[in-house]
Amino acid sequence: MRQKLYDIIFGTTTKAGRNFDVVLLFLILISVLVVMIESVPSYRLKYGEGLHTVEWIFTIIFTIEYILRITVSKRPLRYIFSFWGIIDLLSILPTFISPFLAGYTSLIVVRALRLLRIFRILKLSRFTSESQTLMRSLKASYYKIMVFLFFVVMMIVLAGTLMYVIEGGENGFDSIPTSIYWAVVTVTTVGYGDIAPVTATGKMLASVMMILGYAIIAVPTGLISVEFAKGNQEEEKDNFCENCKHNNRIGSIFCSQCGQEMKQ
């Protein structure tokens, strides 16, 4: 029984293991949305008790999951002090300490980091295409770009939450969604200026986000450029006629210049 539970909780090769991860991911997404909604003053005032109850339900579920992982793990201490073990613990601690330390409940959004597990079950195959070089480049770099954007979204969510905790409503950061909006505007170097940090810590975080913004803009461009260069090399190699030295379209069977059969 312990081995079977281990295969379900830690593995993704079985149908039960994949279903467990999918259900867990949906629960994490919903719990993060609940925390974001709770940070909006109007919703908190109207639905505060209900949202608080829902959050405790999620915390109990994640606590049971955390205990099960420790119980069925072959090396419990290794799991507890691993990256995912620490993240799992951080995802349940804020709710338990919130009655004693007000404001720390918002840090539950760290659960978003656990969504990285989605790459354990989404085994995307490599993209192949016989269309134009540009489309081949975009498709070849699609997976890398999506992974990169995933980390960018996680960084923006965490930065917005931190700014919400640091600045608070008195400085315009009255909810997590508003703070995330500020993070998006800052990272993309748009800088509307409608919301700006006032405290020294907030300005330091804003400076880091601005610097990271330039790297975020440059990385997708570099990924596509590399794949574009590879596509050009493959196109020249695949469509080069050995008889007349003429470059033909991708997928050509015969050379359009001399009629020589192309090597496939």
Protein backbone atom coordinates (compact mmCIF):
# COMPACT_ATOMS: atom_id res chain seq x y z
CA MET A 1 0.00 0.00 0.00
CA ARG A 2 2.82 2.40 0.85
CA GLN A 3 4.54 1.70 -2.48
CA LYS A 4 1.29 2.21 -4.35
CA LEU A 5 0.72 5.56 -2.63
CA TYR A 6 4.31 6.54 -3.40
CA ASP A 7 3.77 5.80 -7.10
CA ILE A 8 0.60 7.90 -7.11
CA ILE A 9 1.92 10.89 -5.15
CA PHE A 10 5.47 11.12 -6.47
CA GLY A 11 5.16 9.40 -9.85
CA THR A 12 3.63 10.46 -13.15
CA THR A 13 3.97 7.24 -15.13
CA THR A 14 0.66 5.80 -13.95
CA LYS A 15 -2.81 7.08 -14.75
CA ALA A 16 -3.54 7.57 -11.04
CA GLY A 17 -0.32 9.54 -10.62
CA ARG A 18 -1.12 11.86 -13.52
CA ASN A 19 -4.67 12.37 -12.25
CA PHE A 20 -3.33 13.16 -8.77
CA ASP A 21 -1.01 15.86 -10.17
CA VAL A 22 -3.75 17.34 -12.35
CA VAL A 23 -6.19 17.58 -9.42
CA LEU A 24 -3.45 19.05 -7.24
CA LEU A 25 -2.60 21.70 -9.84
CA PHE A 26 -6.23 22.75 -10.15
CA LEU A 27 -6.51 23.04 -6.36
CA ILE A 28 -3.37 25.20 -6.28
CA LEU A 29 -4.72 27.49 -9.01
CA ILE A 30 -8.06 27.91 -7.24
CA SER A 31 -6.38 28.55 -3.88
CA VAL A 32 -4.16 31.26 -5.39
CA LEU A 33 -7.22 32.90 -6.98
CA VAL A 34 -9.00 32.83 -3.61
CA VAL A 35 -6.06 34.63 -1.97
CA MET A 36 -6.03 37.26 -4.73
CA ILE A 37 -9.77 37.83 -4.46
CA GLU A 38 -9.50 38.09 -0.68
CA SER A 39 -6.93 40.88 -1.04
CA VAL A 40 -9.49 43.11 -2.83
CA PRO A 41 -11.09 45.28 -0.08
CA SER A 42 -14.64 45.21 -1.48
CA TYR A 43 -14.67 41.42 -1.88
CA ARG A 44 -12.99 40.89 1.49
CA LEU A 45 -15.64 43.03 3.19
CA LYS A 46 -18.51 41.21 1.47
CA TYR A 47 -17.24 37.63 1.30
CA GLY A 48 -14.49 37.65 3.91
CA GLU A 49 -15.82 34.86 6.11
CA GLY A 50 -16.57 32.57 3.18
CA LEU A 51 -13.16 33.15 1.58
CA HIS A 52 -11.45 32.57 4.92
CA THR A 53 -13.29 29.26 5.32
CA VAL A 54 -12.39 28.18 1.78
CA GLU A 55 -8.73 29.01 2.44
CA TRP A 56 -8.72 26.87 5.58
CA ILE A 57 -10.22 23.99 3.59
CA PHE A 58 -7.41 24.28 1.02
CA THR A 59 -4.82 24.48 3.79
CA ILE A 60 -6.15 21.30 5.40
CA ILE A 61 -6.04 19.51 2.02
CA PHE A 62 -2.45 20.64 1.36
CA THR A 63 -1.45 19.73 4.91
CA ILE A 64 -2.78 16.20 4.44
CA GLU A 65 -0.88 16.01 1.16
CA TYR A 66 2.32 17.22 2.85
CA ILE A 67 1.99 14.63 5.62
CA LEU A 68 1.31 11.88 3.07
CA ARG A 69 4.43 12.83 1.12
CA ILE A 70 6.52 12.57 4.27
CA THR A 71 4.88 9.27 5.26
CA VAL A 72 5.30 7.45 1.93
CA SER A 73 8.67 8.98 1.06
CA LYS A 74 11.57 6.55 1.09
CA ARG A 75 13.78 9.28 2.55
CA PRO A 76 11.51 11.65 4.53
CA LEU A 77 14.29 14.04 5.61
CA ARG A 78 15.53 14.33 2.05
CA TYR A 79 12.05 15.35 0.92
CA ILE A 80 11.50 17.76 3.83
CA PHE A 81 14.70 19.69 3.08
CA SER A 82 14.36 19.48 -0.70
CA PHE A 83 13.22 22.44 -2.81
CA TRP A 84 9.70 21.05 -3.26
CA GLY A 85 9.48 20.02 0.37
CA ILE A 86 10.23 23.56 1.49
CA ILE A 87 7.74 24.99 -1.01
CA ASP A 88 5.08 22.54 0.20
CA LEU A 89 5.70 23.64 3.78
CA LEU A 90 5.65 27.34 2.90
CA SER A 91 2.30 26.86 1.16
CA ILE A 92 0.57 25.85 4.40
CA LEU A 93 2.43 27.80 7.08
CA PRO A 94 0.97 31.28 6.30
CA THR A 95 -2.58 30.20 7.13
CA PHE A 96 -1.53 28.69 10.44
CA ILE A 97 0.47 31.76 11.49
CA SER A 98 -2.04 34.30 10.15
CA PRO A 99 -4.04 34.42 13.44
CA PHE A 100 -0.84 35.54 15.18
CA LEU A 101 0.80 37.68 12.45
CA ALA A 102 -1.66 39.75 10.42
CA GLY A 103 -0.90 40.31 6.76
CA TYR A 104 1.20 37.19 6.17
CA THR A 105 -1.75 35.29 4.66
CA SER A 106 -1.07 36.99 1.34
CA LEU A 107 2.23 35.14 1.08
CA ILE A 108 0.27 31.98 0.34
CA VAL A 109 0.64 33.01 -3.29
CA VAL A 110 4.01 31.22 -3.08
CA ARG A 111 1.92 28.17 -3.93
CA ALA A 112 2.14 29.38 -7.51
CA LEU A 113 5.71 28.06 -7.55
CA ARG A 114 4.34 24.54 -7.17
CA LEU A 115 2.74 24.88 -10.61
CA LEU A 116 6.21 24.06 -11.95
CA ARG A 117 5.18 20.43 -11.42
CA ILE A 118 3.06 20.75 -14.55
CA PHE A 119 6.19 20.07 -16.59
CA ARG A 120 6.35 16.58 -15.08
CA ILE A 121 3.16 15.57 -16.88
CA LEU A 122 3.27 17.80 -19.94
CA LYS A 123 5.97 16.04 -21.92
CA LEU A 124 5.91 18.17 -25.01
CA SER A 125 7.44 16.70 -28.12
CA ARG A 126 9.82 18.61 -30.31
CA PHE A 127 8.27 20.67 -33.06
CA THR A 128 9.06 19.79 -36.65
CA SER A 129 7.82 21.68 -39.67
CA GLU A 130 8.37 21.79 -43.44
CA SER A 131 6.89 25.25 -43.87
CA GLN A 132 8.75 28.53 -44.14
CA THR A 133 11.88 29.16 -42.09
CA LEU A 134 10.21 31.77 -39.91
CA MET A 135 7.39 29.47 -38.91
CA ARG A 136 9.87 26.70 -38.24
CA SER A 137 11.85 29.04 -35.98
CA LEU A 138 8.78 30.13 -34.04
CA LYS A 139 7.61 26.57 -33.53
CA ALA A 140 11.09 25.33 -32.60
CA SER A 141 11.42 28.01 -29.90
CA TYR A 142 7.79 27.76 -28.73
CA TYR A 143 8.50 25.40 -25.84
CA LYS A 144 11.46 27.44 -24.61
CA ILE A 145 9.49 30.67 -24.81
CA MET A 146 6.51 29.19 -22.97
CA VAL A 147 8.78 27.92 -20.19
CA PHE A 148 10.41 31.34 -20.01
CA LEU A 149 7.05 33.14 -19.91
CA PHE A 150 5.88 30.77 -17.19
CA PHE A 151 8.79 31.81 -14.97
CA VAL A 152 8.14 35.47 -15.83
CA VAL A 153 4.51 35.15 -14.71
CA MET A 154 5.61 33.51 -11.47
CA MET A 155 8.14 36.29 -10.86
CA ILE A 156 5.54 38.99 -11.54
CA VAL A 157 3.01 37.37 -9.17
CA LEU A 158 5.57 37.08 -6.39
CA ALA A 159 6.90 40.62 -6.95
CA GLY A 160 3.38 42.04 -6.91
CA THR A 161 2.59 40.20 -3.68
CA LEU A 162 5.79 41.43 -2.05
CA MET A 163 5.01 45.00 -3.06
CA TYR A 164 1.49 44.63 -1.66
CA VAL A 165 2.99 43.55 1.67
CA ILE A 166 5.72 46.23 1.63
CA GLU A 167 3.73 49.28 0.53
CA GLY A 168 0.14 48.51 1.51
CA GLY A 169 -3.07 50.27 0.58
CA GLU A 170 -1.99 53.68 1.89
CA ASN A 171 0.53 53.95 -0.97
CA GLY A 172 -1.84 52.79 -3.70
CA PHE A 173 -1.11 49.05 -3.53
CA ASP A 174 -4.53 48.20 -2.10
CA SER A 175 -4.76 44.63 -3.49
CA ILE A 176 -2.62 41.88 -4.99
CA PRO A 177 -4.13 42.26 -8.51
CA THR A 178 -3.33 45.99 -8.42
CA SER A 179 0.23 45.21 -7.30
CA ILE A 180 0.59 42.61 -10.06
CA TYR A 181 -0.58 45.26 -12.54
CA TRP A 182 2.21 47.51 -11.27
CA ALA A 183 4.71 44.63 -11.67
CA VAL A 184 3.65 44.04 -15.28
CA VAL A 185 3.93 47.73 -16.13
CA THR A 186 7.36 47.91 -14.48
CA VAL A 187 8.80 44.72 -16.01
CA THR A 188 7.67 45.70 -19.52
CA THR A 189 9.36 49.13 -18.99
CA VAL A 190 6.09 50.92 -19.84
CA GLY A 191 6.01 52.88 -16.59
CA TYR A 192 2.62 54.62 -16.55
CA GLY A 193 3.40 56.16 -13.19
CA ASP A 194 -0.14 55.84 -11.84
CA ILE A 195 1.22 53.67 -9.00
CA ALA A 196 4.69 54.05 -7.58
CA PRO A 197 6.46 52.78 -4.43
CA VAL A 198 7.16 55.25 -1.64
CA THR A 199 9.24 53.30 0.88
CA ALA A 200 12.95 52.60 0.42
CA THR A 201 12.38 48.83 0.31
CA GLY A 202 9.68 49.24 -2.32
CA LYS A 203 11.97 51.41 -4.47
CA MET A 204 14.73 48.81 -4.22
CA LEU A 205 12.33 46.08 -5.39
CA ALA A 206 11.14 48.34 -8.20
CA SER A 207 14.75 48.93 -9.32
CA VAL A 208 15.39 45.18 -9.48
CA MET A 209 12.21 44.68 -11.53
CA MET A 210 13.23 47.43 -13.97
CA ILE A 211 16.64 45.85 -14.56
CA LEU A 212 15.10 42.43 -15.03
CA GLY A 213 12.70 43.96 -17.54
CA TYR A 214 15.48 44.47 -20.08
CA ALA A 215 16.57 40.84 -19.78
CA ILE A 216 12.97 39.65 -20.11
CA ILE A 217 12.58 41.56 -23.37
CA ALA A 218 15.90 40.30 -24.77
CA VAL A 219 15.57 36.58 -24.02
CA PRO A 220 12.63 35.71 -26.37
CA THR A 221 14.29 37.69 -29.17
CA GLY A 222 17.50 35.71 -28.70
CA LEU A 223 15.68 32.38 -28.65
CA ILE A 224 13.87 33.10 -31.92
CA SER A 225 17.04 34.46 -33.55
CA VAL A 226 19.00 31.29 -32.73
CA GLU A 227 16.28 29.06 -34.15
CA PHE A 228 16.01 31.32 -37.21
CA ALA A 229 19.75 30.90 -37.86
CA LYS A 230 19.48 27.13 -37.45
CA GLY A 231 16.54 27.10 -39.86
CA ASN A 232 18.57 28.95 -42.49
CA GLN A 233 21.43 26.47 -42.19
CA GLU A 234 19.10 23.49 -42.47
CA GLU A 235 17.32 25.04 -45.43
CA GLU A 236 20.57 25.63 -47.29
CA LYS A 237 21.71 22.09 -46.54
CA ASP A 238 18.44 20.36 -47.44
CA ASN A 239 17.67 22.31 -50.64
CA PHE A 240 21.12 22.53 -52.18
CA CYS A 241 21.33 20.90 -55.60
CA GLU A 242 24.63 19.09 -56.06
CA ASN A 243 24.39 19.29 -59.86
CA CYS A 244 23.79 23.01 -60.53
CA LYS A 245 24.36 24.49 -57.06
CA HIS A 246 20.81 25.93 -57.03
CA ASN A 247 18.83 26.33 -53.80
CA ASN A 248 15.29 25.01 -54.07
CA ARG A 249 12.20 25.29 -51.92
CA ILE A 250 11.86 23.07 -48.86
CA GLY A 251 10.39 19.68 -49.79
CA SER A 252 11.34 19.88 -53.48
CA ILE A 253 11.76 16.47 -55.10
CA PHE A 254 13.45 17.75 -58.27
CA CYS A 255 15.63 20.80 -58.80
CA SER A 256 13.68 23.64 -60.41
CA GLN A 257 16.80 24.76 -62.31
CA CYS A 258 18.19 21.57 -63.90
CA GLY A 259 15.61 18.91 -63.07
CA GLN A 260 18.08 16.80 -61.08
CA GLU A 261 16.45 14.61 -58.43
CA MET A 262 17.05 16.02 -54.96
CA LYS A 263 18.48 13.81 -52.22
CA GLN A 264 15.89 13.28 -49.47
